[in-house]
N, C-alpha and C. Protein backbone atom coordinates (compact mmCIF):
# COMPACT_ATOMS: atom_id res chain seq x y z
N MET A 1 1.06 -1.54 0.11
CA MET A 1 -0.22 -0.32 0.02
C MET A 1 0.81 0.82 0.15
N THR A 2 0.66 2.34 -0.70
CA THR A 2 1.28 3.80 -0.66
C THR A 2 1.18 4.00 0.28
N GLU A 3 2.05 5.04 0.58
CA GLU A 3 1.65 6.27 2.00
C GLU A 3 0.80 6.46 1.45
N GLU A 4 0.50 7.37 0.81
CA GLU A 4 -0.78 8.41 0.41
C GLU A 4 -1.90 7.63 0.38
N ILE A 5 -2.34 6.67 -0.07
CA ILE A 5 -3.20 5.05 0.53
C ILE A 5 -3.47 4.85 2.29
N ALA A 6 -1.99 4.63 2.57
CA ALA A 6 -2.84 4.51 4.13
C ALA A 6 -2.59 5.78 4.60
N GLY A 7 -2.71 6.73 4.48
CA GLY A 7 -2.63 7.96 4.99
C GLY A 7 -4.11 8.45 4.91
N ARG A 8 -4.86 8.15 3.70
CA ARG A 8 -6.62 8.45 3.90
C ARG A 8 -7.18 7.61 4.47
N SER A 9 -6.63 6.33 4.36
CA SER A 9 -7.59 5.61 5.00
C SER A 9 -7.28 5.79 6.48
N ALA A 10 -6.43 6.40 7.48
CA ALA A 10 -5.68 6.75 8.50
C ALA A 10 -6.81 8.30 9.09
N ASP A 11 -7.00 8.86 7.76
CA ASP A 11 -8.20 9.91 7.89
C ASP A 11 -9.65 9.92 7.39
N GLU A 12 -9.56 8.32 7.77
CA GLU A 12 -10.77 8.18 7.52
C GLU A 12 -12.09 8.51 8.80
N LEU A 13 -12.82 9.25 8.46
CA LEU A 13 -13.83 9.40 10.06
C LEU A 13 -14.83 8.40 10.31
N LEU A 14 -15.03 7.88 11.33
CA LEU A 14 -15.55 7.00 12.14
C LEU A 14 -16.67 7.51 12.89
N ASP A 15 -17.87 6.99 13.50
CA ASP A 15 -18.52 6.84 14.84
C ASP A 15 -17.82 5.84 15.33
N VAL A 16 -17.83 6.80 16.69
CA VAL A 16 -17.32 6.22 17.86
C VAL A 16 -18.69 5.56 18.46
N VAL A 17 -18.70 3.93 19.45
CA VAL A 17 -20.11 3.62 19.48
C VAL A 17 -19.72 2.90 21.04
N ASP A 18 -21.30 2.65 22.00
CA ASP A 18 -20.97 2.51 23.11
C ASP A 18 -20.85 1.15 23.01
N GLU A 19 -21.20 0.50 24.10
CA GLU A 19 -21.52 -1.26 23.81
C GLU A 19 -22.55 -1.63 23.77
N HIS A 20 -23.91 -0.81 22.77
CA HIS A 20 -25.16 -1.07 22.43
C HIS A 20 -25.45 -0.31 20.95
N ASP A 21 -24.23 -0.11 20.29
CA ASP A 21 -23.53 0.06 19.33
C ASP A 21 -24.66 1.64 18.88
N ARG A 22 -24.41 2.32 19.94
CA ARG A 22 -25.02 3.89 19.39
C ARG A 22 -24.10 4.41 19.61
N VAL A 23 -23.86 5.51 18.76
CA VAL A 23 -23.01 6.74 18.30
C VAL A 23 -22.66 7.47 19.29
N VAL A 24 -21.77 7.29 19.82
CA VAL A 24 -21.27 8.12 21.11
C VAL A 24 -20.47 9.44 20.40
N GLY A 25 -19.63 9.75 19.50
CA GLY A 25 -18.37 10.79 19.21
C GLY A 25 -17.99 10.06 17.98
N ARG A 26 -16.92 10.37 17.15
CA ARG A 26 -16.58 10.71 15.97
C ARG A 26 -15.18 10.59 16.26
N ALA A 27 -14.43 9.79 15.44
CA ALA A 27 -12.76 10.19 15.46
C ALA A 27 -12.31 9.44 14.01
N ARG A 28 -11.56 10.12 13.96
CA ARG A 28 -10.14 9.41 12.57
C ARG A 28 -10.02 8.18 12.63
N ARG A 29 -9.85 7.24 11.79
CA ARG A 29 -9.48 5.95 12.03
C ARG A 29 -8.71 5.29 12.62
N GLY A 30 -7.32 5.97 12.11
CA GLY A 30 -5.92 5.56 12.92
C GLY A 30 -5.67 6.34 14.09
N GLU A 31 -6.92 7.23 15.01
CA GLU A 31 -6.78 7.16 16.31
C GLU A 31 -7.40 6.55 16.92
N ALA A 32 -9.09 5.91 16.33
CA ALA A 32 -9.50 4.73 16.82
C ALA A 32 -9.16 3.30 16.93
N THR A 33 -8.10 3.14 15.74
CA THR A 33 -7.50 1.94 15.98
C THR A 33 -6.65 2.53 17.30
N ALA A 34 -5.76 3.00 17.02
CA ALA A 34 -4.52 3.51 18.13
C ALA A 34 -5.18 3.80 19.61
N ARG A 35 -6.79 3.96 19.94
CA ARG A 35 -6.95 4.23 21.04
C ARG A 35 -7.96 3.05 21.68
N ARG A 36 -7.81 1.87 20.29
CA ARG A 36 -9.12 0.98 20.67
C ARG A 36 -10.52 1.83 20.89
N LEU A 37 -11.05 2.60 20.53
CA LEU A 37 -12.04 3.03 20.28
C LEU A 37 -13.06 1.99 19.47
N ARG A 38 -13.97 1.63 20.07
CA ARG A 38 -15.22 0.60 19.91
C ARG A 38 -15.72 1.36 18.42
N HIS A 39 -16.04 1.08 17.12
CA HIS A 39 -16.49 1.83 16.40
C HIS A 39 -16.98 0.40 15.43
N ARG A 40 -17.35 0.35 14.19
CA ARG A 40 -18.48 -0.13 13.18
C ARG A 40 -17.53 -0.76 12.27
N CYS A 41 -17.84 -1.84 11.49
CA CYS A 41 -17.22 -2.68 10.41
C CYS A 41 -17.91 -3.51 10.08
N VAL A 42 -17.64 -3.96 8.81
CA VAL A 42 -18.70 -4.40 7.55
C VAL A 42 -18.08 -5.86 7.32
N SER A 43 -18.34 -6.83 7.55
CA SER A 43 -17.83 -8.07 6.45
C SER A 43 -18.54 -9.04 5.73
N VAL A 44 -18.57 -9.02 4.80
CA VAL A 44 -18.88 -9.68 3.43
C VAL A 44 -18.41 -10.93 2.86
N ARG A 45 -19.14 -12.43 2.84
CA ARG A 45 -18.90 -13.57 2.38
C ARG A 45 -19.16 -13.60 0.85
N VAL A 46 -18.28 -13.72 0.20
CA VAL A 46 -18.97 -13.39 -1.51
C VAL A 46 -18.72 -14.72 -2.28
N TYR A 47 -19.69 -15.42 -2.96
CA TYR A 47 -19.92 -16.56 -3.65
C TYR A 47 -19.95 -16.30 -4.94
N ASP A 48 -19.64 -17.14 -5.88
CA ASP A 48 -19.53 -16.73 -7.18
C ASP A 48 -20.11 -17.68 -7.55
N ALA A 49 -20.79 -17.87 -8.79
CA ALA A 49 -21.68 -17.86 -9.80
C ALA A 49 -21.80 -19.78 -9.33
N GLU A 50 -21.22 -20.14 -8.77
CA GLU A 50 -21.05 -21.84 -8.63
C GLU A 50 -21.10 -22.38 -7.18
N GLY A 51 -21.17 -21.06 -6.24
CA GLY A 51 -21.08 -21.45 -5.05
C GLY A 51 -19.42 -21.23 -4.30
N ARG A 52 -18.74 -21.15 -4.79
CA ARG A 52 -17.57 -21.20 -4.40
C ARG A 52 -17.41 -19.52 -3.18
N ILE A 53 -16.46 -20.22 -2.46
CA ILE A 53 -16.63 -19.04 -1.39
C ILE A 53 -14.87 -17.97 -2.19
N PHE A 54 -14.96 -16.60 -2.04
CA PHE A 54 -14.10 -15.90 -2.38
C PHE A 54 -12.98 -15.77 -0.97
N VAL A 55 -11.80 -16.19 -1.55
CA VAL A 55 -10.79 -16.03 -0.39
C VAL A 55 -9.84 -15.66 -0.62
N HIS A 56 -8.96 -14.79 0.20
CA HIS A 56 -7.69 -13.76 -0.33
C HIS A 56 -6.68 -13.71 0.77
N ARG A 57 -5.50 -13.00 0.33
CA ARG A 57 -4.34 -12.80 1.52
C ARG A 57 -4.12 -10.86 1.60
N ARG A 58 -4.19 -10.67 2.10
CA ARG A 58 -4.24 -9.05 2.57
C ARG A 58 -2.72 -8.76 2.17
N THR A 59 -2.43 -7.54 1.54
CA THR A 59 -1.33 -7.19 1.35
C THR A 59 -0.49 -7.02 2.52
N PRO A 60 1.18 -6.79 2.61
CA PRO A 60 1.49 -6.63 3.66
C PRO A 60 1.53 -5.15 4.50
N GLY A 61 1.06 -4.21 3.65
CA GLY A 61 1.05 -2.72 3.83
C GLY A 61 -0.37 -2.60 4.53
N LYS A 62 -1.31 -3.39 4.72
CA LYS A 62 -2.55 -3.10 5.15
C LYS A 62 -1.84 -2.67 6.80
N PRO A 63 -2.96 -2.31 7.23
CA PRO A 63 -2.44 -1.27 8.35
C PRO A 63 -3.24 -1.90 9.42
N VAL A 64 -4.00 -3.14 9.65
CA VAL A 64 -4.49 -3.98 10.31
C VAL A 64 -4.65 -5.35 9.71
N PHE A 65 -3.96 -6.32 10.22
CA PHE A 65 -3.87 -7.86 9.90
C PHE A 65 -2.90 -7.85 8.75
N PRO A 66 -1.99 -7.10 8.54
CA PRO A 66 -1.57 -7.03 7.08
C PRO A 66 -0.84 -8.77 6.57
N SER A 67 -0.85 -9.34 5.27
CA SER A 67 -0.72 -10.41 4.99
C SER A 67 -1.18 -11.78 5.26
N LEU A 68 -2.37 -11.64 6.25
CA LEU A 68 -2.69 -12.42 6.79
C LEU A 68 -3.96 -12.64 5.83
N TYR A 69 -4.69 -14.52 5.76
CA TYR A 69 -5.80 -14.92 4.55
C TYR A 69 -7.07 -14.41 5.23
N ASP A 70 -7.99 -14.28 4.47
CA ASP A 70 -9.25 -13.44 4.77
C ASP A 70 -10.71 -14.48 3.99
N VAL A 71 -11.49 -14.95 4.69
CA VAL A 71 -12.48 -15.51 4.44
C VAL A 71 -13.50 -14.67 4.07
N VAL A 72 -13.93 -13.51 4.20
CA VAL A 72 -14.71 -12.19 3.76
C VAL A 72 -14.07 -11.08 3.26
N VAL A 73 -14.71 -10.09 2.67
CA VAL A 73 -14.05 -8.71 2.69
C VAL A 73 -14.63 -7.90 3.19
N GLY A 74 -14.60 -6.70 3.31
CA GLY A 74 -14.67 -5.84 4.34
C GLY A 74 -13.99 -4.39 4.82
N GLY A 75 -14.63 -4.09 6.02
CA GLY A 75 -14.20 -2.89 5.94
C GLY A 75 -14.76 -1.78 7.03
N VAL A 76 -14.27 -0.78 7.13
CA VAL A 76 -14.47 0.22 8.37
C VAL A 76 -16.04 0.79 7.71
N VAL A 77 -17.20 0.91 8.56
CA VAL A 77 -18.23 1.73 8.10
C VAL A 77 -18.39 3.30 8.50
N GLY A 78 -17.83 4.54 7.41
CA GLY A 78 -17.86 5.74 7.82
C GLY A 78 -18.65 6.11 8.42
N ALA A 79 -18.69 7.85 8.77
CA ALA A 79 -19.08 8.01 9.91
C ALA A 79 -20.30 8.50 9.41
N GLY A 80 -21.49 8.48 9.98
CA GLY A 80 -23.10 8.55 9.58
C GLY A 80 -23.43 7.65 8.12
N GLU A 81 -22.99 6.07 7.58
CA GLU A 81 -22.91 5.41 7.09
C GLU A 81 -23.72 4.29 7.45
N GLU A 82 -24.48 3.82 6.59
CA GLU A 82 -25.33 2.48 7.41
C GLU A 82 -24.76 1.15 7.09
N TYR A 83 -24.79 0.35 7.59
CA TYR A 83 -24.09 -0.98 7.24
C TYR A 83 -24.22 -1.57 6.06
N GLY A 84 -24.97 -1.59 5.81
CA GLY A 84 -25.47 -2.22 4.38
C GLY A 84 -25.18 -1.26 3.12
N GLU A 85 -25.38 -0.10 3.55
CA GLU A 85 -24.53 0.79 2.29
C GLU A 85 -22.89 0.61 2.44
N ALA A 86 -22.42 0.76 3.47
CA ALA A 86 -20.72 0.32 3.64
C ALA A 86 -20.32 -1.37 2.67
N ALA A 87 -21.21 -2.13 3.66
CA ALA A 87 -20.95 -3.73 2.79
C ALA A 87 -20.66 -3.41 1.16
N LEU A 88 -21.94 -2.71 0.86
CA LEU A 88 -21.69 -3.02 -0.81
C LEU A 88 -20.69 -2.75 -1.16
N ARG A 89 -20.43 -0.71 -0.63
CA ARG A 89 -19.43 0.01 -1.05
C ARG A 89 -17.87 -1.49 -1.10
N GLU A 90 -17.76 -1.52 0.52
CA GLU A 90 -16.34 -2.42 0.54
C GLU A 90 -16.66 -3.75 -0.18
N ALA A 91 -17.44 -4.45 -0.29
CA ALA A 91 -17.36 -5.68 -1.38
C ALA A 91 -17.37 -5.31 -2.98
N GLU A 92 -17.73 -3.84 -3.69
CA GLU A 92 -17.39 -3.23 -4.55
C GLU A 92 -15.88 -2.77 -4.93
N GLU A 93 -15.93 -2.40 -3.87
CA GLU A 93 -14.22 -1.80 -4.08
C GLU A 93 -13.08 -3.02 -4.14
N GLU A 94 -13.22 -3.80 -2.77
CA GLU A 94 -12.08 -5.06 -2.54
C GLU A 94 -12.17 -5.73 -3.79
N LEU A 95 -13.82 -6.39 -4.74
CA LEU A 95 -13.33 -6.84 -5.53
C LEU A 95 -13.35 -6.25 -7.05
N GLY A 96 -13.08 -5.14 -6.97
CA GLY A 96 -13.28 -4.07 -8.39
C GLY A 96 -14.24 -4.45 -9.40
N VAL A 97 -15.29 -4.52 -8.82
CA VAL A 97 -16.30 -4.80 -9.56
C VAL A 97 -17.31 -3.57 -9.73
N SER A 98 -18.63 -3.61 -9.95
CA SER A 98 -19.44 -2.39 -10.22
C SER A 98 -20.67 -3.13 -10.96
N GLY A 99 -21.69 -2.74 -9.76
CA GLY A 99 -23.25 -3.06 -9.95
C GLY A 99 -23.81 -4.53 -9.25
N LEU A 100 -22.74 -5.32 -8.16
CA LEU A 100 -22.99 -5.80 -7.18
C LEU A 100 -24.17 -5.79 -6.77
N PRO A 101 -25.19 -6.87 -6.60
CA PRO A 101 -26.30 -6.88 -6.13
C PRO A 101 -25.78 -6.63 -4.21
N ARG A 102 -27.02 -6.00 -3.95
CA ARG A 102 -27.20 -5.79 -2.02
C ARG A 102 -26.29 -6.62 -1.33
N PRO A 103 -25.75 -6.67 -0.31
CA PRO A 103 -25.07 -8.07 0.29
C PRO A 103 -26.81 -8.38 1.08
N GLU A 104 -26.52 -9.48 1.83
CA GLU A 104 -27.70 -10.14 2.16
C GLU A 104 -27.57 -9.99 3.89
N TYR A 105 -27.70 -9.42 4.62
CA TYR A 105 -27.71 -9.42 5.71
C TYR A 105 -28.14 -10.82 7.09
N ARG A 106 -26.59 -11.19 7.85
CA ARG A 106 -26.92 -12.28 8.19
C ARG A 106 -26.87 -12.31 9.56
N LEU A 107 -26.07 -11.63 10.37
CA LEU A 107 -25.81 -11.05 11.80
C LEU A 107 -24.98 -10.14 12.08
N LYS A 108 -25.15 -9.59 13.52
CA LYS A 108 -23.78 -8.60 13.94
C LYS A 108 -23.26 -9.27 15.55
N PHE A 109 -22.09 -8.69 15.91
CA PHE A 109 -21.73 -9.36 17.22
C PHE A 109 -20.72 -8.54 16.78
N LEU A 110 -20.06 -8.35 18.14
CA LEU A 110 -19.17 -7.28 18.86
C LEU A 110 -17.74 -8.03 19.02
N TYR A 111 -16.82 -7.54 18.41
CA TYR A 111 -15.29 -8.20 18.02
C TYR A 111 -14.66 -7.94 19.00
N GLU A 112 -14.14 -8.28 19.74
CA GLU A 112 -13.14 -7.41 20.84
C GLU A 112 -11.67 -8.36 21.05
N SER A 113 -10.37 -7.73 21.03
CA SER A 113 -9.11 -8.54 21.37
C SER A 113 -8.67 -7.61 22.45
N PRO A 114 -7.57 -7.53 22.25
CA PRO A 114 -6.56 -6.84 23.29
C PRO A 114 -6.65 -5.34 22.78
N GLU A 115 -5.99 -5.76 21.34
CA GLU A 115 -6.09 -4.68 20.28
C GLU A 115 -7.47 -3.56 19.63
N HIS A 116 -8.09 -4.27 19.34
CA HIS A 116 -9.44 -4.32 18.72
C HIS A 116 -10.86 -4.14 19.26
N ALA A 117 -11.50 -3.25 18.74
CA ALA A 117 -13.10 -3.08 19.41
C ALA A 117 -14.02 -2.77 18.41
N TRP A 118 -14.79 -3.77 17.66
CA TRP A 118 -15.85 -2.89 16.82
C TRP A 118 -16.92 -4.37 16.53
N PHE A 119 -18.19 -3.31 16.56
CA PHE A 119 -19.13 -4.12 15.86
C PHE A 119 -18.95 -4.78 14.27
N LEU A 120 -19.38 -5.70 13.97
CA LEU A 120 -18.89 -6.07 13.24
C LEU A 120 -20.38 -6.90 12.23
N SER A 121 -21.17 -5.83 11.64
CA SER A 121 -22.00 -6.47 10.44
C SER A 121 -21.95 -7.30 9.76
N VAL A 122 -22.64 -8.29 9.36
CA VAL A 122 -21.76 -9.86 8.56
C VAL A 122 -23.05 -9.54 7.41
N TYR A 123 -22.78 -9.96 6.30
CA TYR A 123 -23.68 -9.68 5.31
C TYR A 123 -22.91 -11.32 4.26
N GLU A 124 -23.60 -11.25 3.37
CA GLU A 124 -23.30 -12.35 2.04
C GLU A 124 -23.82 -12.00 0.59
N VAL A 125 -23.31 -12.40 -0.34
CA VAL A 125 -23.52 -11.86 -1.73
C VAL A 125 -22.84 -12.90 -2.56
N ARG A 126 -23.98 -13.00 -3.76
CA ARG A 126 -23.49 -13.73 -4.54
C ARG A 126 -22.53 -12.94 -5.87
N CYS A 127 -21.59 -13.14 -6.28
CA CYS A 127 -21.03 -12.11 -7.40
C CYS A 127 -20.56 -13.03 -8.62
N GLU A 128 -21.04 -12.44 -9.72
CA GLU A 128 -21.35 -13.33 -11.18
C GLU A 128 -20.71 -12.73 -12.00
N LEU A 129 -20.10 -11.60 -11.23
CA LEU A 129 -19.32 -10.51 -12.05
C LEU A 129 -18.00 -10.52 -12.54
N PRO A 130 -17.14 -10.61 -13.55
CA PRO A 130 -15.81 -10.50 -13.71
C PRO A 130 -15.05 -9.60 -12.09
N VAL A 131 -14.33 -10.86 -11.46
CA VAL A 131 -13.63 -9.73 -10.19
C VAL A 131 -12.28 -9.48 -11.12
N ALA A 132 -11.77 -8.56 -10.12
CA ALA A 132 -10.70 -7.17 -10.18
C ALA A 132 -10.12 -6.83 -9.07
N PRO A 133 -10.15 -7.52 -8.36
CA PRO A 133 -9.31 -6.94 -6.35
C PRO A 133 -8.36 -5.97 -6.55
N GLN A 134 -8.40 -5.30 -6.03
CA GLN A 134 -7.39 -3.70 -5.38
C GLN A 134 -6.28 -4.65 -5.45
N ALA A 135 -5.35 -4.12 -5.90
CA ALA A 135 -3.60 -4.19 -5.87
C ALA A 135 -3.42 -4.01 -4.25
N GLU A 136 -3.70 -2.98 -4.00
CA GLU A 136 -3.33 -2.24 -2.64
C GLU A 136 -4.07 -3.11 -1.82
N GLU A 137 -5.11 -4.00 -1.77
CA GLU A 137 -5.65 -4.49 -0.64
C GLU A 137 -5.11 -6.34 -1.03
N VAL A 138 -5.16 -6.25 -1.64
CA VAL A 138 -5.26 -8.07 -2.40
C VAL A 138 -4.12 -8.42 -2.83
N ALA A 139 -3.18 -9.55 -2.15
CA ALA A 139 -2.03 -9.85 -2.92
C ALA A 139 -2.14 -11.11 -3.62
N TRP A 140 -3.03 -11.92 -2.89
CA TRP A 140 -3.78 -13.27 -3.90
C TRP A 140 -5.47 -13.17 -3.42
N TRP A 141 -5.78 -14.45 -4.53
CA TRP A 141 -7.44 -14.55 -4.13
C TRP A 141 -7.59 -15.38 -5.30
N ALA A 142 -8.26 -16.31 -4.84
CA ALA A 142 -9.48 -17.34 -5.44
C ALA A 142 -10.80 -17.58 -4.84
N PHE A 143 -11.52 -18.21 -5.59
CA PHE A 143 -12.76 -18.44 -5.83
C PHE A 143 -12.49 -20.20 -5.24
N LEU A 144 -13.14 -20.26 -3.98
CA LEU A 144 -12.94 -22.03 -3.07
C LEU A 144 -14.14 -22.80 -3.00
N PRO A 145 -13.96 -23.86 -3.50
CA PRO A 145 -15.22 -24.72 -2.43
C PRO A 145 -15.03 -24.30 -1.07
N GLU A 146 -16.56 -24.73 -0.33
CA GLU A 146 -16.40 -24.83 0.64
C GLU A 146 -15.38 -25.59 1.91
N GLU A 147 -15.50 -26.88 1.34
CA GLU A 147 -14.84 -28.37 1.44
C GLU A 147 -13.41 -27.49 1.17
N GLU A 148 -12.62 -27.23 0.65
CA GLU A 148 -11.11 -26.85 -0.01
C GLU A 148 -10.85 -25.64 1.49
N VAL A 149 -11.81 -24.50 1.93
CA VAL A 149 -11.82 -23.55 2.27
C VAL A 149 -11.60 -24.49 3.90
N GLU A 150 -12.21 -25.14 4.30
CA GLU A 150 -12.28 -25.50 5.65
C GLU A 150 -10.83 -26.64 5.95
N ARG A 151 -10.50 -27.58 4.94
CA ARG A 151 -9.42 -28.18 4.49
C ARG A 151 -8.11 -26.81 4.93
N ARG A 152 -8.01 -25.87 4.39
CA ARG A 152 -6.76 -24.86 4.03
C ARG A 152 -6.86 -23.53 5.61
N LEU A 153 -8.22 -23.81 5.94
CA LEU A 153 -8.17 -22.73 7.36
C LEU A 153 -7.07 -23.27 8.75
N PRO A 154 -6.69 -24.67 8.87
CA PRO A 154 -5.73 -24.39 9.64
C PRO A 154 -4.26 -24.64 9.46
N GLU A 155 -4.18 -24.41 7.92
CA GLU A 155 -3.03 -24.28 7.28
C GLU A 155 -2.19 -22.51 7.24
N TRP A 156 -3.31 -21.75 7.19
CA TRP A 156 -3.58 -20.37 7.01
C TRP A 156 -3.53 -19.35 8.35
N ASP A 157 -2.59 -18.52 8.39
CA ASP A 157 -2.92 -17.48 9.40
C ASP A 157 -3.64 -16.33 8.88
N VAL A 158 -5.24 -16.97 9.19
CA VAL A 158 -6.27 -15.89 8.83
C VAL A 158 -6.55 -14.77 9.92
N VAL A 159 -7.26 -13.78 9.20
CA VAL A 159 -7.48 -12.75 9.73
C VAL A 159 -8.47 -12.89 11.01
N PRO A 160 -8.78 -12.83 12.37
CA PRO A 160 -9.06 -13.24 12.91
C PRO A 160 -10.53 -12.82 13.27
N ASP A 161 -10.91 -11.31 13.12
CA ASP A 161 -12.33 -11.46 13.00
C ASP A 161 -12.86 -12.26 11.92
N GLY A 162 -12.33 -12.16 10.53
CA GLY A 162 -13.19 -12.77 9.69
C GLY A 162 -13.05 -14.34 9.85
N LEU A 163 -12.23 -14.74 10.10
CA LEU A 163 -12.28 -16.25 10.71
C LEU A 163 -13.58 -16.82 11.86
N GLU A 164 -13.79 -15.39 12.71
CA GLU A 164 -14.72 -15.43 13.09
C GLU A 164 -16.36 -15.37 12.82
N CYS A 165 -15.98 -14.49 11.44
CA CYS A 165 -17.26 -14.78 10.63
C CYS A 165 -17.50 -15.58 10.27
N HIS A 166 -16.46 -16.22 9.83
CA HIS A 166 -16.74 -17.70 9.24
C HIS A 166 -17.28 -18.49 10.29
N ARG A 167 -16.93 -18.51 11.05
CA ARG A 167 -17.68 -19.78 12.10
C ARG A 167 -19.33 -19.29 12.10
N ARG A 168 -19.24 -18.07 12.17
CA ARG A 168 -20.55 -17.91 13.19
C ARG A 168 -21.62 -17.86 11.74
N LEU A 169 -21.47 -17.44 10.53
CA LEU A 169 -21.83 -17.74 9.11
C LEU A 169 -22.25 -19.38 9.41
N GLY A 170 -21.03 -19.94 9.28
CA GLY A 170 -21.31 -21.56 9.43
C GLY A 170 -22.92 -21.89 10.54
N ALA A 171 -22.74 -21.58 11.74
CA ALA A 171 -23.75 -22.17 12.53
C ALA A 171 -24.92 -21.15 12.20
N TRP A 172 -24.87 -20.14 11.77
CA TRP A 172 -26.22 -18.94 11.28
C TRP A 172 -26.73 -20.08 10.29
N HIS A 173 -26.37 -20.70 9.12
CA HIS A 173 -27.00 -21.66 8.26
C HIS A 173 -27.33 -22.83 8.53
N ARG A 174 -26.32 -23.60 9.57
CA ARG A 174 -27.15 -24.74 10.01
C ARG A 174 -28.43 -24.16 11.12
N ALA A 175 -28.16 -23.52 11.75
CA ALA A 175 -28.93 -23.48 12.29
C ALA A 175 -30.50 -23.04 11.51
N ARG A 176 -30.42 -22.36 10.36
CA ARG A 176 -31.49 -22.33 9.53
C ARG A 176 -31.92 -23.63 8.23
N ARG A 177 -30.79 -24.44 8.67
CA ARG A 177 -30.90 -25.57 7.74
C ARG A 177 -31.91 -26.31 8.73
N GLY A 178 -31.95 -26.52 9.93
CA GLY A 178 -32.34 -26.96 10.96
C GLY A 178 -33.64 -26.90 11.23
N ALA A 179 -34.13 -25.44 11.20
CA ALA A 179 -35.34 -25.01 11.36
C ALA A 179 -36.30 -25.30 9.91
N GLY A 180 -35.76 -25.66 9.05
CA GLY A 180 -36.38 -25.97 8.26
C GLY A 180 -36.12 -25.08 6.41
N ALA A 181 -35.32 -24.09 6.85
CA ALA A 181 -35.45 -23.50 5.50
C ALA A 181 -34.64 -23.96 4.45
N VAL A 182 -34.13 -23.09 3.39
CA VAL A 182 -34.07 -23.75 2.47
C VAL A 182 -32.96 -22.88 1.81
């Protein structure tokens, strides 16, 4: 990632939220990260026309989780932006597409680690467009069958919140199948 892109990213204005996801202030992304201020993010699991999952490895210049593999795309929700708007924007940006269907909401949870704290709204979308992921965001990518993703996960260093999204989406789908949903 170039210094210019990293600088713009750090200057992005975010809503700071309380433990109930209510806006209590605003901060620049760099400050929110440095001070572990709770904010909002989105993650989108992307499927291709064959039902394979988009997986990628982040570039070494990413300020958060550099060079790790991820099974979702996404990012921060800008100040005043709705989760659903951010999900579509982030998916289109990272995949390098335009005209993606609106991602479908699945679940939301609070992700916390010693370094990070954010609410994560999780979506899914089917992308039948040819993708051209951003070179400054994505070092490697592929669409892989779910079985292959599961096989590779133990071998990869995976973004921790993306891995948690993957686990929770699996539980969400199992619960829906168990309830008779198709």
